[in-house]
Amino acid sequence: MKQLPEHGSCFICGSENPKGLGVRWYAREDNSIITEIVLTESEQGPPGHAHGGVLAALLDEVMGTAVWHAGHMVLAANLNIDFRRPVPLGVSLVVTGRVSDRDGRKLFARGEISLPDGTKAAVGKGLFIEASDLFTREDGSSGFLKMLPK
């Protein structure tokens, strides 16, 4: 597995965000993306359990990362999340994502959050739209949104 770069102030994977989750993504040989994370009281929704918004954010990020890792600069257009089981705090979760299809500028991805016993606690499908022009600086370099400071 190869560790992927983090993105500064990103809530999910940014090392510069003191309120972020600090996730480190890894690419597997099949180009799917994986990480393990233990959620704490900071990510609590119902007592003792993860907030659904945090789970949705993890799925958004793992699916988007899978699409980016495949070489496409995209924005999320649609996310569908099925919450199948409550996710207790303090347990090791496995988060995975992969590109599932492409139709022109549309890229489709799937993601899962699994409990320690392998049960899928949440699954997601995402539609991402290629938008390379938004990720090019005015000087022509790529990798950052135009609206970010230079």
Protein backbone atom coordinates (compact mmCIF):
# COMPACT_ATOMS: atom_id res chain seq x y z
CA MET A 1 0.00 0.00 0.00
CA LYS A 2 1.09 3.54 -0.72
CA GLN A 3 0.31 6.45 1.61
CA LEU A 4 -1.32 9.33 -0.25
CA PRO A 5 -0.52 13.00 0.42
CA GLU A 6 -2.66 14.93 2.85
CA HIS A 7 -4.21 18.28 2.00
CA GLY A 8 -3.28 20.96 4.53
CA SER A 9 -6.42 22.28 6.17
CA CYS A 10 -8.82 19.56 4.95
CA PHE A 11 -11.24 18.55 7.73
CA ILE A 12 -10.77 14.86 6.98
CA CYS A 13 -7.11 14.46 5.99
CA GLY A 14 -5.38 17.76 6.71
CA SER A 15 -2.50 17.82 9.18
CA GLU A 16 -2.84 21.61 9.58
CA ASN A 17 -6.45 21.48 10.79
CA PRO A 18 -6.51 21.26 14.61
CA LYS A 19 -10.21 20.31 14.54
CA GLY A 20 -9.82 17.78 11.71
CA LEU A 21 -9.80 14.00 11.84
CA GLY A 22 -6.21 13.62 10.61
CA VAL A 23 -7.01 10.63 8.38
CA ARG A 24 -4.18 9.14 6.33
CA TRP A 25 -5.35 7.53 3.09
CA TYR A 26 -3.62 4.56 1.49
CA ALA A 27 -3.92 3.32 -2.09
CA ARG A 28 -4.04 -0.43 -2.56
CA GLU A 29 -2.71 -2.24 -5.63
CA ASP A 30 -6.21 -2.35 -7.14
CA ASN A 31 -6.33 1.50 -6.80
CA SER A 32 -9.00 1.37 -4.11
CA ILE A 33 -8.45 3.64 -1.12
CA ILE A 34 -8.41 2.52 2.52
CA THR A 35 -7.85 3.81 6.03
CA GLU A 36 -8.60 2.81 9.59
CA ILE A 37 -9.96 5.30 12.09
CA VAL A 38 -11.25 5.33 15.64
CA LEU A 39 -13.89 8.01 16.24
CA THR A 40 -14.06 9.72 19.64
CA GLU A 41 -16.47 11.91 21.61
CA SER A 42 -15.51 14.83 19.34
CA GLU A 43 -17.36 13.02 16.53
CA GLN A 44 -20.33 11.95 18.66
CA GLY A 45 -23.95 12.17 17.54
CA PRO A 46 -26.24 9.99 19.65
CA PRO A 47 -24.66 9.16 23.02
CA GLY A 48 -21.76 6.76 22.52
CA HIS A 49 -22.13 6.71 18.73
CA ALA A 50 -20.71 8.53 15.72
CA HIS A 51 -22.54 11.47 14.16
CA GLY A 52 -24.01 10.63 10.76
CA GLY A 53 -22.51 13.78 9.28
CA VAL A 54 -19.01 12.62 10.19
CA LEU A 55 -19.67 9.24 8.58
CA ALA A 56 -21.01 10.99 5.46
CA ALA A 57 -17.92 13.22 5.35
CA LEU A 58 -15.65 10.16 5.56
CA LEU A 59 -17.51 8.51 2.69
CA ASP A 60 -17.43 11.70 0.60
CA GLU A 61 -13.69 11.99 1.15
CA VAL A 62 -12.79 8.34 0.48
CA MET A 63 -14.83 8.27 -2.73
CA GLY A 64 -13.43 11.61 -3.88
CA THR A 65 -9.90 10.50 -3.03
CA ALA A 66 -10.38 7.34 -5.10
CA VAL A 67 -11.43 9.45 -8.09
CA TRP A 68 -8.56 11.90 -7.58
CA HIS A 69 -6.08 9.03 -7.22
CA ALA A 70 -7.33 7.74 -10.59
CA GLY A 71 -6.18 11.08 -12.07
CA HIS A 72 -9.39 13.09 -12.24
CA MET A 73 -9.85 16.56 -10.74
CA VAL A 74 -13.46 16.52 -9.62
CA LEU A 75 -16.15 18.04 -7.46
CA ALA A 76 -18.90 16.03 -5.77
CA ALA A 77 -22.25 16.44 -7.52
CA ASN A 78 -24.33 13.88 -5.63
CA LEU A 79 -23.83 11.62 -2.62
CA ASN A 80 -26.17 8.85 -1.50
CA ILE A 81 -25.47 7.37 1.92
CA ASP A 82 -27.18 4.37 3.49
CA PHE A 83 -26.66 4.17 7.24
CA ARG A 84 -27.08 0.47 8.02
CA ARG A 85 -25.87 0.17 11.62
CA PRO A 86 -25.12 2.54 14.49
CA VAL A 87 -21.36 3.16 14.74
CA PRO A 88 -20.05 3.03 18.29
CA LEU A 89 -17.26 5.37 19.34
CA GLY A 90 -13.89 3.92 20.28
CA VAL A 91 -13.78 1.03 17.79
CA SER A 92 -11.51 0.64 14.78
CA LEU A 93 -13.42 1.34 11.57
CA VAL A 94 -12.23 0.47 8.08
CA VAL A 95 -13.13 3.04 5.43
CA THR A 96 -12.74 2.05 1.77
CA GLY A 97 -13.56 3.63 -1.57
CA ARG A 98 -13.15 2.95 -5.26
CA VAL A 99 -14.09 4.29 -8.67
CA SER A 100 -16.97 2.22 -10.03
CA ASP A 101 -17.73 3.74 -13.45
CA ARG A 102 -17.24 6.65 -15.83
CA ASP A 103 -19.49 8.36 -18.37
CA GLY A 104 -17.73 11.29 -20.02
CA ARG A 105 -17.05 13.93 -17.35
CA LYS A 106 -19.11 11.97 -14.81
CA LEU A 107 -17.23 9.62 -12.49
CA PHE A 108 -18.98 7.28 -10.11
CA ALA A 109 -17.55 5.90 -6.88
CA ARG A 110 -18.56 3.66 -4.00
CA GLY A 111 -17.49 3.76 -0.38
CA GLU A 112 -17.98 1.70 2.76
CA ILE A 113 -17.43 2.03 6.48
CA SER A 114 -17.04 -1.34 8.17
CA LEU A 115 -17.18 -2.26 11.85
CA PRO A 116 -14.46 -4.45 13.42
CA ASP A 117 -16.46 -7.63 12.67
CA GLY A 118 -16.68 -6.68 8.97
CA THR A 119 -20.32 -5.54 9.08
CA LYS A 120 -20.95 -2.63 6.72
CA ALA A 121 -22.21 0.18 8.94
CA ALA A 122 -22.55 2.76 6.15
CA VAL A 123 -22.25 2.58 2.38
CA GLY A 124 -22.17 5.37 -0.14
CA LYS A 125 -22.43 6.05 -3.83
CA GLY A 126 -21.09 9.26 -5.30
CA LEU A 127 -21.29 11.13 -8.57
CA PHE A 128 -18.29 13.36 -9.23
CA ILE A 129 -17.88 15.80 -12.13
CA GLU A 130 -14.53 16.56 -13.73
CA ALA A 131 -13.76 20.23 -13.22
CA SER A 132 -10.05 20.61 -13.95
CA ASP A 133 -10.46 24.31 -14.74
CA LEU A 134 -11.37 24.98 -11.09
CA PHE A 135 -8.19 23.29 -9.92
CA THR A 136 -5.77 25.34 -12.01
CA ARG A 137 -4.16 28.49 -10.70
CA GLU A 138 -4.21 31.57 -12.86
CA ASP A 139 -0.49 31.05 -13.56
CA GLY A 140 -1.35 27.67 -15.13
CA SER A 141 -0.06 25.44 -12.33
CA SER A 142 -2.45 22.80 -11.08
CA GLY A 143 -3.44 21.23 -7.80
CA PHE A 144 -5.11 24.14 -6.06
CA LEU A 145 -8.40 25.92 -6.38
CA LYS A 146 -8.13 29.30 -8.08
CA MET A 147 -9.72 30.97 -5.08
CA LEU A 148 -6.99 29.78 -2.68
CA PRO A 149 -4.29 32.32 -1.84
CA LYS A 150 -0.97 31.88 -3.62
